[in-house]
Each structure stands twice: as C-alpha cells, then as structure tokens.
Amino acid sequence: MSVTTKRTTSYPMTAEGIPDYPLWRTDTKAIVGSVLLAVCFSINMQITERLDTVTGNLVAPIIGVPAANWLGYTFLNLWYPVTVIYFGLVGGLIISNFNPIIAVLTATHSLAWAFFFFNMAWAIPNALLFKYWIRNGYRLTYWRFVLTCGVGQFISACVWFGLMQIVFPGGVWWGYIVIPLWNFIMFIPGGTLGYYFYKAVKNSGVLE
C-alpha cells in the first residue's frame, strides 16, 4: 500500500518554483510564519543594533552625528526578502514593526523609535517588487534578487537621511550623506546573504 502526499495549497506554481501567493495573505500559516521570522530577525538585531550604537558613538566626534545602522541594514536583507516573498505585505508589516517595539523597549539604538519608518520603507516597496517578478514569470536570479534588495535599501536610506536632518541637526553636512550612503551599499553583502538564505528556504520547502 503506497502513501501519497498532497500539496495543501491551491495556489498555482510559478516559474520561480514557489506558489503564487496573494500579496495580502492573511491565513494562519502566513501570520504565524511572519511572527516567527520577525522573532528571528529581532534576535539578530539585538546584537547588531548594539554594535551599530558603538559604531555611531565612534564616528560622532568626527561628523557630529551619533548614528549608524550599517549592520542593521545588512542583516535586514537576510530576513525581509523571505518574509515578503512568502507572506506578502502582511508579513512585511509584521516583521517591520515587531523589532522596533523590542528595540524601543530595550533601548538598543538612539534611533530605535524610527525603525518603524526605516523598516516599512524597505518592506512595502520590495513586497510589491518581488511579487511583480514572481507573478509575471521572472526567476529570482542572484542579480535580480540583490538589486531588488537595493531598491528597498535606497528608499529606506532616503528616509534615514530625512530623519537625520530633523533629529541630529548641526553636524557636518557630509555626515548626513556618508551614513545613509554607507547604509545603502550594505544591500550588496546583505542581499548576497539574503539570496543564499532564500535559496536554502526555498529548496527546503518549509514555508510552502
């Protein structure tokens, strides 16, 4: 007697090799999966945000701005793409706002309250862009994946730049450019890590 397994989802398969999940996915699996990924991201950030705070304090005497978030912007690309690819905008909003709550409560960073804005500036446009690629039959190649991360990173870095003008006035002018630019280019190592993490998750089928 043979035992056969049946895929429980009714979503059609895409050229990327994953189901064509809806952009606004509210099923229990999506919500629970998003929360679990958000918890993993927050654990990651408990370390990186403290290191970023040290970095910010080191550069503050030079540029007059005690802020840096380069490690946060690196590892963001590890957890966010998988979340928005599988769980859409709902997943993006959950993972974007879960960690800032923890960061504010534990005071991990001088701009912890602003992470709500930075994170959503990455997650929302990239949830839309990743969905566009997948739904229209494109494969998420290394370069397409990393450059998509770069789009969200650029928007998020622009939000960082704007808030720095308000929160930390009086620093040298180039300081307001160097830090957002440094944060932005972290999409390259971050997107690379994220791509291989996504491939491992996809091959495992654990989120399908």
N, C-alpha and C. Protein backbone atom coordinates (compact mmCIF):
# COMPACT_ATOMS: atom_id res chain seq x y z
N MET A 1 0.85 -1.19 0.00
CA MET A 1 0.00 0.00 0.00
C MET A 1 0.89 1.24 0.00
N SER A 2 0.66 2.08 -0.96
CA SER A 2 1.50 3.28 -1.05
C SER A 2 0.81 4.47 -0.41
N VAL A 3 1.61 5.35 0.10
CA VAL A 3 1.10 6.57 0.72
C VAL A 3 1.52 7.75 -0.13
N THR A 4 0.58 8.54 -0.53
CA THR A 4 0.87 9.71 -1.35
C THR A 4 0.62 10.97 -0.55
N THR A 5 1.38 12.01 -0.84
CA THR A 5 1.20 13.30 -0.18
C THR A 5 0.58 14.27 -1.15
N LYS A 6 -0.18 15.16 -0.66
CA LYS A 6 -0.89 16.13 -1.49
C LYS A 6 -0.59 17.53 -1.01
N ARG A 7 -0.24 18.39 -1.92
CA ARG A 7 0.02 19.78 -1.57
C ARG A 7 -1.29 20.42 -1.10
N THR A 8 -1.23 21.05 0.06
CA THR A 8 -2.46 21.59 0.64
C THR A 8 -2.85 22.93 0.04
N THR A 9 -1.92 23.63 -0.56
CA THR A 9 -2.25 24.93 -1.12
C THR A 9 -2.90 24.78 -2.49
N SER A 10 -3.77 25.70 -2.81
CA SER A 10 -4.42 25.70 -4.11
C SER A 10 -3.82 26.76 -5.03
N TYR A 11 -2.75 27.40 -4.57
CA TYR A 11 -2.12 28.45 -5.37
C TYR A 11 -1.33 27.83 -6.52
N PRO A 12 -1.43 28.42 -7.71
CA PRO A 12 -0.67 27.88 -8.86
C PRO A 12 0.83 28.08 -8.67
N MET A 13 1.60 27.17 -9.24
CA MET A 13 3.05 27.28 -9.18
C MET A 13 3.53 28.31 -10.19
N THR A 14 4.62 28.96 -9.86
CA THR A 14 5.20 30.00 -10.73
C THR A 14 6.50 29.50 -11.34
N ALA A 15 7.02 30.27 -12.28
CA ALA A 15 8.30 29.92 -12.90
C ALA A 15 9.43 29.90 -11.88
N GLU A 16 9.26 30.64 -10.79
CA GLU A 16 10.27 30.67 -9.74
C GLU A 16 10.29 29.36 -8.96
N GLY A 17 9.23 28.56 -9.08
CA GLY A 17 9.19 27.29 -8.36
C GLY A 17 8.56 27.37 -7.00
N ILE A 18 7.84 28.48 -6.74
CA ILE A 18 7.09 28.59 -5.50
C ILE A 18 5.65 28.96 -5.85
N PRO A 19 4.70 28.68 -4.97
CA PRO A 19 3.31 29.03 -5.27
C PRO A 19 3.11 30.53 -5.44
N ASP A 20 2.12 30.90 -6.23
CA ASP A 20 1.80 32.31 -6.46
C ASP A 20 0.89 32.79 -5.33
N TYR A 21 1.52 33.07 -4.18
CA TYR A 21 0.76 33.51 -3.02
C TYR A 21 0.17 34.90 -3.25
N PRO A 22 -0.97 35.21 -2.65
CA PRO A 22 -1.53 36.56 -2.79
C PRO A 22 -0.66 37.59 -2.09
N LEU A 23 -0.71 38.82 -2.58
CA LEU A 23 0.08 39.89 -1.96
C LEU A 23 -0.38 40.15 -0.54
N TRP A 24 -1.68 40.10 -0.32
CA TRP A 24 -2.24 40.33 1.01
C TRP A 24 -2.70 38.98 1.57
N ARG A 25 -1.79 38.30 2.21
CA ARG A 25 -2.04 36.95 2.69
C ARG A 25 -2.31 36.95 4.18
N THR A 26 -3.51 36.51 4.59
CA THR A 26 -3.90 36.62 5.99
C THR A 26 -4.23 35.26 6.63
N ASP A 27 -3.82 34.18 5.99
CA ASP A 27 -4.08 32.88 6.60
C ASP A 27 -3.19 32.68 7.82
N THR A 28 -3.58 31.73 8.64
CA THR A 28 -2.88 31.49 9.91
C THR A 28 -1.40 31.17 9.70
N LYS A 29 -1.11 30.35 8.69
CA LYS A 29 0.28 29.97 8.43
C LYS A 29 1.13 31.19 8.11
N ALA A 30 0.56 32.12 7.33
CA ALA A 30 1.31 33.32 6.97
C ALA A 30 1.58 34.19 8.18
N ILE A 31 0.60 34.35 9.03
CA ILE A 31 0.77 35.20 10.21
C ILE A 31 1.75 34.57 11.19
N VAL A 32 1.57 33.28 11.46
CA VAL A 32 2.49 32.60 12.39
C VAL A 32 3.90 32.57 11.83
N GLY A 33 4.03 32.27 10.53
CA GLY A 33 5.35 32.25 9.90
C GLY A 33 6.02 33.60 9.95
N SER A 34 5.24 34.66 9.72
CA SER A 34 5.79 36.02 9.76
C SER A 34 6.27 36.38 11.16
N VAL A 35 5.51 36.00 12.16
CA VAL A 35 5.90 36.28 13.54
C VAL A 35 7.18 35.53 13.90
N LEU A 36 7.29 34.27 13.48
CA LEU A 36 8.50 33.50 13.77
C LEU A 36 9.73 34.12 13.11
N LEU A 37 9.58 34.55 11.85
CA LEU A 37 10.68 35.21 11.17
C LEU A 37 11.01 36.55 11.83
N ALA A 38 9.97 37.24 12.30
CA ALA A 38 10.19 38.51 13.00
C ALA A 38 10.96 38.30 14.30
N VAL A 39 10.67 37.22 14.99
CA VAL A 39 11.39 36.90 16.22
C VAL A 39 12.86 36.61 15.91
N CYS A 40 13.11 35.84 14.86
CA CYS A 40 14.49 35.55 14.45
C CYS A 40 15.23 36.84 14.08
N PHE A 41 14.54 37.71 13.34
CA PHE A 41 15.14 38.99 12.96
C PHE A 41 15.46 39.83 14.20
N SER A 42 14.55 39.84 15.15
CA SER A 42 14.75 40.64 16.36
C SER A 42 15.92 40.13 17.19
N ILE A 43 16.06 38.81 17.26
CA ILE A 43 17.21 38.24 17.97
C ILE A 43 18.50 38.67 17.28
N ASN A 44 18.51 38.61 15.98
CA ASN A 44 19.65 39.07 15.19
C ASN A 44 19.96 40.54 15.50
N MET A 45 18.91 41.36 15.54
CA MET A 45 19.09 42.80 15.75
C MET A 45 19.51 43.16 17.17
N GLN A 46 19.21 42.31 18.14
CA GLN A 46 19.65 42.59 19.50
C GLN A 46 21.17 42.69 19.57
N ILE A 47 21.84 41.98 18.70
CA ILE A 47 23.30 42.04 18.64
C ILE A 47 23.76 43.19 17.75
N THR A 48 23.23 43.24 16.53
CA THR A 48 23.73 44.21 15.55
C THR A 48 23.40 45.65 15.93
N GLU A 49 22.26 45.88 16.55
CA GLU A 49 21.90 47.25 16.93
C GLU A 49 22.85 47.80 17.99
N ARG A 50 23.29 46.96 18.88
CA ARG A 50 24.25 47.41 19.90
C ARG A 50 25.62 47.69 19.27
N LEU A 51 26.00 46.87 18.31
CA LEU A 51 27.26 47.14 17.60
C LEU A 51 27.14 48.41 16.78
N ASP A 52 25.98 48.64 16.18
CA ASP A 52 25.76 49.88 15.43
C ASP A 52 25.82 51.10 16.34
N THR A 53 25.31 50.96 17.57
CA THR A 53 25.37 52.07 18.52
C THR A 53 26.82 52.41 18.85
N VAL A 54 27.65 51.38 19.04
CA VAL A 54 29.08 51.60 19.29
C VAL A 54 29.72 52.31 18.10
N THR A 55 29.39 51.85 16.89
CA THR A 55 29.93 52.48 15.68
C THR A 55 29.51 53.94 15.60
N GLY A 56 28.23 54.20 15.88
CA GLY A 56 27.74 55.57 15.83
C GLY A 56 28.46 56.48 16.80
N ASN A 57 28.69 55.99 18.01
CA ASN A 57 29.40 56.79 19.01
C ASN A 57 30.85 57.06 18.62
N LEU A 58 31.46 56.11 17.90
CA LEU A 58 32.84 56.29 17.47
C LEU A 58 32.97 57.37 16.39
N VAL A 59 31.97 57.43 15.48
CA VAL A 59 32.06 58.41 14.39
C VAL A 59 31.49 59.76 14.77
N ALA A 60 30.76 59.83 15.89
CA ALA A 60 30.11 61.08 16.28
C ALA A 60 31.08 62.25 16.44
N PRO A 61 32.26 62.07 17.07
CA PRO A 61 33.18 63.21 17.19
C PRO A 61 33.69 63.73 15.85
N ILE A 62 33.63 62.89 14.82
CA ILE A 62 34.14 63.29 13.51
C ILE A 62 33.07 64.02 12.69
N ILE A 63 31.87 63.45 12.68
CA ILE A 63 30.82 64.02 11.83
C ILE A 63 29.72 64.73 12.59
N GLY A 64 29.74 64.63 13.92
CA GLY A 64 28.74 65.32 14.72
C GLY A 64 27.39 64.64 14.74
N VAL A 65 27.31 63.41 14.27
CA VAL A 65 26.04 62.69 14.22
C VAL A 65 26.24 61.31 14.84
N PRO A 66 25.69 61.06 16.03
CA PRO A 66 25.90 59.77 16.71
C PRO A 66 24.95 58.69 16.21
N ALA A 67 25.01 58.37 14.92
CA ALA A 67 24.08 57.38 14.37
C ALA A 67 24.75 56.56 13.29
N ALA A 68 24.49 55.28 13.32
CA ALA A 68 24.93 54.37 12.26
C ALA A 68 24.06 53.13 12.35
N ASN A 69 23.77 52.55 11.23
CA ASN A 69 22.93 51.35 11.24
C ASN A 69 23.34 50.40 10.12
N TRP A 70 24.63 50.33 9.86
CA TRP A 70 25.10 49.55 8.71
C TRP A 70 24.90 48.05 8.89
N LEU A 71 25.08 47.54 10.10
CA LEU A 71 24.84 46.11 10.32
C LEU A 71 23.35 45.79 10.27
N GLY A 72 22.53 46.71 10.79
CA GLY A 72 21.10 46.52 10.70
C GLY A 72 20.63 46.43 9.26
N TYR A 73 21.19 47.30 8.42
CA TYR A 73 20.83 47.31 7.01
C TYR A 73 21.41 46.11 6.26
N THR A 74 22.44 45.51 6.80
CA THR A 74 23.00 44.30 6.19
C THR A 74 22.09 43.11 6.42
N PHE A 75 21.79 42.84 7.69
CA PHE A 75 21.05 41.63 8.04
C PHE A 75 19.55 41.76 7.81
N LEU A 76 19.08 42.98 7.64
CA LEU A 76 17.69 43.16 7.22
C LEU A 76 17.42 42.40 5.93
N ASN A 77 18.41 42.38 5.04
CA ASN A 77 18.26 41.70 3.74
C ASN A 77 18.27 40.18 3.86
N LEU A 78 18.59 39.68 5.03
CA LEU A 78 18.56 38.24 5.23
C LEU A 78 17.13 37.76 5.52
N TRP A 79 16.39 38.53 6.33
CA TRP A 79 15.09 38.09 6.81
C TRP A 79 13.91 38.68 6.03
N TYR A 80 14.03 39.92 5.59
CA TYR A 80 12.90 40.57 4.96
C TYR A 80 12.49 39.96 3.62
N PRO A 81 13.44 39.67 2.70
CA PRO A 81 13.02 39.12 1.41
C PRO A 81 12.22 37.83 1.52
N VAL A 82 12.70 36.90 2.35
CA VAL A 82 11.97 35.64 2.53
C VAL A 82 10.56 35.91 3.05
N THR A 83 10.45 36.83 3.99
CA THR A 83 9.15 37.13 4.58
C THR A 83 8.18 37.71 3.55
N VAL A 84 8.64 38.70 2.78
CA VAL A 84 7.71 39.32 1.83
C VAL A 84 7.45 38.43 0.61
N ILE A 85 8.40 37.59 0.24
CA ILE A 85 8.19 36.68 -0.89
C ILE A 85 7.12 35.65 -0.55
N TYR A 86 7.17 35.10 0.64
CA TYR A 86 6.21 34.05 1.01
C TYR A 86 4.94 34.59 1.66
N PHE A 87 5.05 35.68 2.39
CA PHE A 87 3.90 36.15 3.17
C PHE A 87 3.40 37.54 2.78
N GLY A 88 3.98 38.13 1.74
CA GLY A 88 3.47 39.36 1.17
C GLY A 88 3.52 40.57 2.09
N LEU A 89 2.58 41.47 1.88
CA LEU A 89 2.56 42.72 2.63
C LEU A 89 2.26 42.50 4.11
N VAL A 90 1.40 41.55 4.42
CA VAL A 90 1.11 41.28 5.83
C VAL A 90 2.38 40.85 6.55
N GLY A 91 3.14 39.94 5.92
CA GLY A 91 4.41 39.53 6.51
C GLY A 91 5.38 40.68 6.62
N GLY A 92 5.42 41.53 5.58
CA GLY A 92 6.30 42.69 5.61
C GLY A 92 5.98 43.64 6.73
N LEU A 93 4.70 43.88 6.96
CA LEU A 93 4.30 44.79 8.03
C LEU A 93 4.58 44.19 9.41
N ILE A 94 4.41 42.88 9.54
CA ILE A 94 4.68 42.24 10.83
C ILE A 94 6.17 42.31 11.16
N ILE A 95 7.00 41.91 10.23
CA ILE A 95 8.44 41.90 10.52
C ILE A 95 9.00 43.31 10.62
N SER A 96 8.37 44.27 9.94
CA SER A 96 8.83 45.66 10.00
C SER A 96 8.59 46.29 11.36
N ASN A 97 7.50 45.90 12.00
CA ASN A 97 7.09 46.60 13.22
C ASN A 97 7.34 45.81 14.50
N PHE A 98 7.65 44.53 14.38
CA PHE A 98 7.91 43.73 15.56
C PHE A 98 9.21 44.14 16.23
N ASN A 99 10.28 44.18 15.45
CA ASN A 99 11.58 44.52 16.04
C ASN A 99 11.65 45.93 16.61
N PRO A 100 11.09 46.97 15.94
CA PRO A 100 11.15 48.30 16.55
C PRO A 100 10.53 48.37 17.94
N ILE A 101 9.48 47.58 18.17
CA ILE A 101 8.88 47.56 19.51
C ILE A 101 9.91 47.04 20.52
N ILE A 102 10.58 45.94 20.16
CA ILE A 102 11.62 45.39 21.04
C ILE A 102 12.77 46.37 21.20
N ALA A 103 13.17 47.01 20.09
CA ALA A 103 14.30 47.94 20.13
C ALA A 103 13.99 49.14 21.03
N VAL A 104 12.76 49.63 20.98
CA VAL A 104 12.38 50.77 21.83
C VAL A 104 12.36 50.34 23.30
N LEU A 105 11.78 49.18 23.57
CA LEU A 105 11.68 48.71 24.96
C LEU A 105 13.03 48.41 25.57
N THR A 106 13.97 47.94 24.76
CA THR A 106 15.30 47.59 25.28
C THR A 106 16.36 48.65 25.01
N ALA A 107 15.97 49.74 24.34
CA ALA A 107 16.87 50.88 24.09
C ALA A 107 18.17 50.44 23.43
N THR A 108 18.04 49.70 22.34
CA THR A 108 19.23 49.19 21.67
C THR A 108 19.92 50.23 20.79
N HIS A 109 19.21 51.29 20.42
CA HIS A 109 19.75 52.24 19.46
C HIS A 109 19.13 53.61 19.69
N SER A 110 19.89 54.66 19.43
CA SER A 110 19.39 56.02 19.64
C SER A 110 18.23 56.37 18.71
N LEU A 111 18.12 55.67 17.59
CA LEU A 111 17.02 55.91 16.66
C LEU A 111 16.05 54.73 16.62
N ALA A 112 15.95 54.01 17.72
CA ALA A 112 15.08 52.82 17.73
C ALA A 112 13.65 53.16 17.37
N TRP A 113 13.15 54.30 17.82
CA TRP A 113 11.77 54.69 17.52
C TRP A 113 11.55 54.89 16.03
N ALA A 114 12.61 55.22 15.30
CA ALA A 114 12.50 55.50 13.88
C ALA A 114 12.57 54.23 13.03
N PHE A 115 12.88 53.09 13.65
CA PHE A 115 12.96 51.86 12.87
C PHE A 115 11.63 51.49 12.22
N PHE A 116 10.52 51.92 12.83
CA PHE A 116 9.22 51.68 12.20
C PHE A 116 9.21 52.22 10.76
N PHE A 117 9.74 53.43 10.60
CA PHE A 117 9.73 54.09 9.29
C PHE A 117 10.76 53.46 8.35
N PHE A 118 11.99 53.24 8.86
CA PHE A 118 13.04 52.67 8.02
C PHE A 118 12.63 51.29 7.50
N ASN A 119 12.11 50.47 8.41
CA ASN A 119 11.79 49.10 8.05
C ASN A 119 10.65 49.02 7.03
N MET A 120 9.60 49.79 7.25
CA MET A 120 8.48 49.75 6.31
C MET A 120 8.85 50.36 4.96
N ALA A 121 9.79 51.32 4.97
CA ALA A 121 10.25 51.89 3.71
C ALA A 121 10.98 50.86 2.87
N TRP A 122 11.53 49.84 3.50
CA TRP A 122 12.15 48.72 2.78
C TRP A 122 11.10 47.68 2.41
N ALA A 123 10.30 47.25 3.37
CA ALA A 123 9.43 46.09 3.20
C ALA A 123 8.30 46.32 2.21
N ILE A 124 7.65 47.47 2.27
CA ILE A 124 6.47 47.69 1.42
C ILE A 124 6.81 47.72 -0.06
N PRO A 125 7.76 48.57 -0.51
CA PRO A 125 8.06 48.55 -1.95
C PRO A 125 8.64 47.23 -2.42
N ASN A 126 9.42 46.55 -1.58
CA ASN A 126 10.01 45.29 -2.03
C ASN A 126 9.02 44.14 -2.03
N ALA A 127 8.01 44.20 -1.16
CA ALA A 127 6.93 43.21 -1.25
C ALA A 127 6.24 43.33 -2.60
N LEU A 128 6.02 44.56 -3.05
CA LEU A 128 5.39 44.80 -4.34
C LEU A 128 6.29 44.36 -5.49
N LEU A 129 7.58 44.65 -5.38
CA LEU A 129 8.50 44.35 -6.48
C LEU A 129 8.78 42.85 -6.59
N PHE A 130 9.00 42.18 -5.46
CA PHE A 130 9.19 40.73 -5.51
C PHE A 130 7.95 40.04 -6.06
N LYS A 131 6.77 40.52 -5.67
CA LYS A 131 5.53 39.94 -6.18
C LYS A 131 5.43 40.16 -7.69
N TYR A 132 5.85 41.32 -8.16
CA TYR A 132 5.82 41.59 -9.59
C TYR A 132 6.69 40.59 -10.35
N TRP A 133 7.92 40.38 -9.89
CA TRP A 133 8.82 39.44 -10.56
C TRP A 133 8.21 38.05 -10.62
N ILE A 134 7.76 37.58 -9.47
CA ILE A 134 7.28 36.20 -9.38
C ILE A 134 5.99 36.00 -10.18
N ARG A 135 5.06 36.92 -10.04
CA ARG A 135 3.75 36.76 -10.70
C ARG A 135 3.85 36.88 -12.21
N ASN A 136 4.85 37.60 -12.70
CA ASN A 136 4.99 37.79 -14.14
C ASN A 136 5.99 36.83 -14.78
N GLY A 137 6.31 35.78 -14.07
CA GLY A 137 7.09 34.70 -14.67
C GLY A 137 8.59 34.89 -14.66
N TYR A 138 9.10 35.84 -13.89
CA TYR A 138 10.54 36.04 -13.80
C TYR A 138 11.13 35.13 -12.72
N ARG A 139 12.33 34.66 -12.95
CA ARG A 139 13.06 33.92 -11.94
C ARG A 139 13.83 34.89 -11.07
N LEU A 140 13.95 34.58 -9.80
CA LEU A 140 14.73 35.42 -8.89
C LEU A 140 16.19 34.99 -8.96
N THR A 141 16.86 35.47 -9.99
CA THR A 141 18.29 35.22 -10.13
C THR A 141 19.04 36.00 -9.05
N TYR A 142 20.32 35.70 -8.92
CA TYR A 142 21.13 36.41 -7.92
C TYR A 142 21.05 37.92 -8.11
N TRP A 143 21.28 38.39 -9.33
CA TRP A 143 21.31 39.83 -9.56
C TRP A 143 19.95 40.47 -9.41
N ARG A 144 18.90 39.79 -9.86
CA ARG A 144 17.56 40.35 -9.70
C ARG A 144 17.20 40.44 -8.23
N PHE A 145 17.58 39.43 -7.47
CA PHE A 145 17.29 39.41 -6.03
C PHE A 145 18.04 40.55 -5.32
N VAL A 146 19.34 40.62 -5.56
CA VAL A 146 20.16 41.62 -4.86
C VAL A 146 19.76 43.04 -5.26
N LEU A 147 19.52 43.28 -6.53
CA LEU A 147 19.14 44.63 -6.96
C LEU A 147 17.76 45.02 -6.44
N THR A 148 16.88 44.04 -6.30
CA THR A 148 15.58 44.33 -5.68
C THR A 148 15.77 44.75 -4.22
N CYS A 149 16.67 44.06 -3.53
CA CYS A 149 17.01 44.49 -2.16
C CYS A 149 17.55 45.91 -2.18
N GLY A 150 18.33 46.23 -3.20
CA GLY A 150 18.90 47.58 -3.31
C GLY A 150 17.84 48.65 -3.47
N VAL A 151 16.74 48.33 -4.16
CA VAL A 151 15.65 49.31 -4.32
C VAL A 151 15.07 49.68 -2.96
N GLY A 152 14.73 48.66 -2.18
CA GLY A 152 14.20 48.93 -0.85
C GLY A 152 15.20 49.63 0.04
N GLN A 153 16.46 49.23 -0.09
CA GLN A 153 17.51 49.84 0.73
C GLN A 153 17.69 51.32 0.39
N PHE A 154 17.58 51.65 -0.88
CA PHE A 154 17.72 53.05 -1.30
C PHE A 154 16.59 53.90 -0.71
N ILE A 155 15.36 53.41 -0.81
CA ILE A 155 14.22 54.15 -0.26
C ILE A 155 14.37 54.31 1.25
N SER A 156 14.77 53.22 1.92
CA SER A 156 14.94 53.28 3.37
C SER A 156 16.06 54.23 3.77
N ALA A 157 17.17 54.24 3.01
CA ALA A 157 18.28 55.15 3.30
C ALA A 157 17.86 56.60 3.10
N CYS A 158 16.98 56.86 2.13
CA CYS A 158 16.48 58.22 1.93
C CYS A 158 15.65 58.68 3.12
N VAL A 159 14.85 57.76 3.68
CA VAL A 159 14.08 58.08 4.89
C VAL A 159 15.03 58.35 6.04
N TRP A 160 16.08 57.55 6.14
CA TRP A 160 17.12 57.77 7.18
C TRP A 160 17.73 59.16 7.04
N PHE A 161 18.08 59.53 5.82
CA PHE A 161 18.67 60.83 5.55
C PHE A 161 17.74 61.95 6.01
N GLY A 162 16.44 61.84 5.68
CA GLY A 162 15.49 62.88 6.07
C GLY A 162 15.33 63.01 7.57
N LEU A 163 15.26 61.87 8.26
CA LEU A 163 15.07 61.93 9.71
C LEU A 163 16.31 62.43 10.43
N MET A 164 17.48 62.15 9.88
CA MET A 164 18.71 62.66 10.49
C MET A 164 18.75 64.17 10.48
N GLN A 165 18.19 64.78 9.44
CA GLN A 165 18.15 66.24 9.38
C GLN A 165 17.33 66.83 10.52
N ILE A 166 16.31 66.08 10.93
CA ILE A 166 15.40 66.56 11.98
C ILE A 166 15.94 66.25 13.37
N VAL A 167 16.43 65.02 13.54
CA VAL A 167 16.81 64.55 14.88
C VAL A 167 18.20 65.01 15.29
N PHE A 168 19.14 65.06 14.32
CA PHE A 168 20.52 65.41 14.64
C PHE A 168 20.98 66.62 13.82
N PRO A 169 20.41 67.79 14.09
CA PRO A 169 20.87 68.98 13.35
C PRO A 169 22.23 69.44 13.87
N GLY A 170 22.96 70.15 13.03
CA GLY A 170 24.21 70.75 13.48
C GLY A 170 25.46 69.98 13.16
N GLY A 171 25.36 68.79 12.57
CA GLY A 171 26.55 68.04 12.21
C GLY A 171 27.14 68.56 10.91
N VAL A 172 28.33 68.07 10.56
CA VAL A 172 28.93 68.47 9.29
C VAL A 172 28.06 67.94 8.15
N TRP A 173 27.95 68.71 7.08
CA TRP A 173 26.99 68.39 6.03
C TRP A 173 27.22 67.02 5.41
N TRP A 174 28.51 66.65 5.24
CA TRP A 174 28.78 65.38 4.59
C TRP A 174 28.45 64.18 5.46
N GLY A 175 28.34 64.42 6.78
CA GLY A 175 27.96 63.34 7.68
C GLY A 175 26.56 62.81 7.40
N TYR A 176 25.70 63.72 6.93
CA TYR A 176 24.33 63.31 6.63
C TYR A 176 24.24 62.54 5.32
N ILE A 177 25.31 62.55 4.55
CA ILE A 177 25.34 61.82 3.28
C ILE A 177 26.07 60.50 3.43
N VAL A 178 27.19 60.53 4.18
CA VAL A 178 28.03 59.34 4.31
C VAL A 178 27.28 58.18 4.97
N ILE A 179 26.59 58.46 6.08
CA ILE A 179 25.92 57.37 6.80
C ILE A 179 24.79 56.75 5.99
N PRO A 180 23.86 57.54 5.42
CA PRO A 180 22.83 56.90 4.57
C PRO A 180 23.43 56.17 3.38
N LEU A 181 24.52 56.72 2.79
CA LEU A 181 25.15 56.06 1.66
C LEU A 181 25.77 54.73 2.10
N TRP A 182 26.44 54.74 3.25
CA TRP A 182 27.03 53.52 3.78
C TRP A 182 25.95 52.49 4.09
N ASN A 183 24.85 52.96 4.68
CA ASN A 183 23.73 52.06 4.94
C ASN A 183 23.20 51.46 3.64
N PHE A 184 23.11 52.29 2.60
CA PHE A 184 22.57 51.84 1.32
C PHE A 184 23.41 50.74 0.70
N ILE A 185 24.73 50.92 0.67
CA ILE A 185 25.56 49.95 -0.05
C ILE A 185 25.66 48.62 0.70
N MET A 186 25.14 48.57 1.91
CA MET A 186 25.11 47.30 2.63
C MET A 186 24.13 46.32 2.00
N PHE A 187 23.36 46.77 1.00
CA PHE A 187 22.50 45.83 0.30
C PHE A 187 23.32 44.81 -0.48
N ILE A 188 24.57 45.11 -0.77
CA ILE A 188 25.39 44.18 -1.55
C ILE A 188 25.76 42.94 -0.71
N PRO A 189 26.44 43.12 0.45
CA PRO A 189 26.68 41.91 1.26
C PRO A 189 25.40 41.34 1.85
N GLY A 190 24.47 42.24 2.24
CA GLY A 190 23.22 41.78 2.82
C GLY A 190 22.37 41.02 1.82
N GLY A 191 22.26 41.56 0.60
CA GLY A 191 21.49 40.88 -0.44
C GLY A 191 22.09 39.55 -0.83
N THR A 192 23.42 39.46 -0.79
CA THR A 192 24.09 38.20 -1.10
C THR A 192 23.76 37.14 -0.05
N LEU A 193 23.86 37.52 1.22
CA LEU A 193 23.47 36.61 2.29
C LEU A 193 21.99 36.23 2.16
N GLY A 194 21.18 37.23 1.86
CA GLY A 194 19.74 37.01 1.74
C GLY A 194 19.40 36.06 0.61
N TYR A 195 20.11 36.18 -0.50
CA TYR A 195 19.84 35.32 -1.66
C TYR A 195 20.08 33.86 -1.32
N TYR A 196 21.21 33.56 -0.70
CA TYR A 196 21.52 32.17 -0.39
C TYR A 196 20.63 31.64 0.74
N PHE A 197 20.22 32.52 1.62
CA PHE A 197 19.26 32.11 2.66
C PHE A 197 17.92 31.79 2.02
N TYR A 198 17.47 32.63 1.10
CA TYR A 198 16.22 32.40 0.40
C TYR A 198 16.27 31.09 -0.38
N LYS A 199 17.39 30.83 -1.07
CA LYS A 199 17.51 29.59 -1.84
C LYS A 199 17.43 28.37 -0.93
N ALA A 200 18.04 28.46 0.24
CA ALA A 200 18.00 27.35 1.18
C ALA A 200 16.58 27.12 1.69
N VAL A 201 15.87 28.21 2.00
CA VAL A 201 14.48 28.09 2.46
C VAL A 201 13.61 27.53 1.35
N LYS A 202 13.80 28.03 0.14
CA LYS A 202 13.00 27.57 -1.00
C LYS A 202 13.23 26.09 -1.27
N ASN A 203 14.48 25.66 -1.26
CA ASN A 203 14.79 24.26 -1.52
C ASN A 203 14.27 23.33 -0.44
N SER A 204 14.18 23.84 0.78
CA SER A 204 13.67 23.02 1.88
C SER A 204 12.15 22.86 1.82
N GLY A 205 11.47 23.86 1.22
CA GLY A 205 10.01 23.82 1.14
C GLY A 205 9.31 24.04 2.46
N VAL A 206 10.04 24.49 3.47
CA VAL A 206 9.48 24.60 4.82
C VAL A 206 8.39 25.66 4.93
N LEU A 207 8.43 26.68 4.08
CA LEU A 207 7.43 27.75 4.18
C LEU A 207 6.28 27.59 3.18
N GLU A 208 6.30 26.55 2.38
CA GLU A 208 5.25 26.36 1.38
C GLU A 208 4.07 25.57 1.96
